[in-house]
Amino acid sequence: MVEEINKNARLSASGRKLLTSEQKACIVEGWENSGLSCPEFCRRHGLISSQLYKWRADAKNRRNYGNKERW
């Protein structure tokens, strides 16, 4: 699943992957269900661990606050 998301991700003009909130949440769910540590999961899928932690925090905030802005 993660490989498919990475493969089909849109790229910005500078070549960075552009992922939707739903795609990021799916990757976080894949990590949580994998049983792997964050660094190991990221190595296997070409991600950055700090980014994955941020996506997890963002997903938790969306669940806690809905899709509304906190401020």
Protein backbone atom coordinates (compact mmCIF):
# COMPACT_ATOMS: atom_id res chain seq x y z
CA MET A 1 0.00 0.00 0.00
CA VAL A 2 2.73 2.47 0.97
CA GLU A 3 4.72 1.65 -2.15
CA GLU A 4 1.66 2.33 -4.30
CA ILE A 5 1.07 5.71 -2.63
CA ASN A 6 4.74 6.67 -3.10
CA LYS A 7 4.70 5.54 -6.73
CA ASN A 8 1.52 7.47 -7.59
CA ALA A 9 2.31 10.64 -5.61
CA ARG A 10 2.13 13.91 -7.47
CA LEU A 11 5.38 15.86 -7.63
CA SER A 12 5.87 19.57 -7.10
CA ALA A 13 7.93 21.66 -9.50
CA SER A 14 10.95 21.08 -7.24
CA GLY A 15 10.40 17.30 -7.30
CA ARG A 16 8.93 16.88 -3.81
CA LYS A 17 6.09 14.42 -3.27
CA LEU A 18 2.70 16.01 -2.67
CA LEU A 19 0.47 13.77 -0.56
CA THR A 20 -3.08 14.37 0.61
CA SER A 21 -4.04 14.14 4.28
CA GLU A 22 -5.76 10.84 3.54
CA GLN A 23 -2.62 9.41 1.92
CA LYS A 24 -0.50 10.50 4.87
CA ALA A 25 -2.98 8.95 7.32
CA CYS A 26 -2.89 5.71 5.32
CA ILE A 27 0.92 5.63 5.52
CA VAL A 28 0.79 6.27 9.29
CA GLU A 29 -1.74 3.46 9.68
CA GLY A 30 0.52 1.18 7.67
CA TRP A 31 3.42 2.00 9.97
CA GLU A 32 1.37 1.45 13.14
CA ASN A 33 0.12 -1.91 11.84
CA SER A 34 3.54 -3.04 10.61
CA GLY A 35 5.10 -3.62 14.03
CA LEU A 36 8.28 -1.90 12.80
CA SER A 37 10.06 0.96 14.49
CA CYS A 38 9.61 4.32 12.80
CA PRO A 39 13.22 4.48 11.52
CA GLU A 40 13.03 0.94 10.10
CA PHE A 41 9.67 1.60 8.41
CA CYS A 42 11.03 4.82 6.92
CA ARG A 43 14.19 3.12 5.61
CA ARG A 44 12.10 0.47 3.87
CA HIS A 45 9.77 3.00 2.25
CA GLY A 46 12.05 5.96 1.54
CA LEU A 47 10.49 8.28 4.12
CA ILE A 48 11.88 10.59 6.80
CA SER A 49 11.09 9.58 10.38
CA SER A 50 10.47 13.14 11.63
CA GLN A 51 7.94 13.57 8.83
CA LEU A 52 6.14 10.37 9.80
CA TYR A 53 5.93 11.48 13.45
CA LYS A 54 4.50 14.84 12.29
CA TRP A 55 1.92 13.10 10.10
CA ARG A 56 0.88 10.93 13.05
CA ALA A 57 0.43 14.01 15.28
CA ASP A 58 -1.54 15.77 12.53
CA ALA A 59 -3.81 12.73 12.11
CA LYS A 60 -4.45 12.60 15.87
CA ASN A 61 -5.30 16.31 15.90
CA ARG A 62 -7.75 15.85 13.03
CA ARG A 63 -9.44 13.00 14.91
CA ASN A 64 -9.62 15.05 18.11
CA TYR A 65 -10.75 18.31 16.53
CA GLY A 66 -12.45 17.10 13.39
CA ASN A 67 -11.20 18.74 10.21
CA LYS A 68 -11.50 22.21 11.74
CA GLU A 69 -8.56 24.46 12.41
CA ARG A 70 -7.58 24.67 16.05
CA TRP A 71 -7.00 28.42 16.05
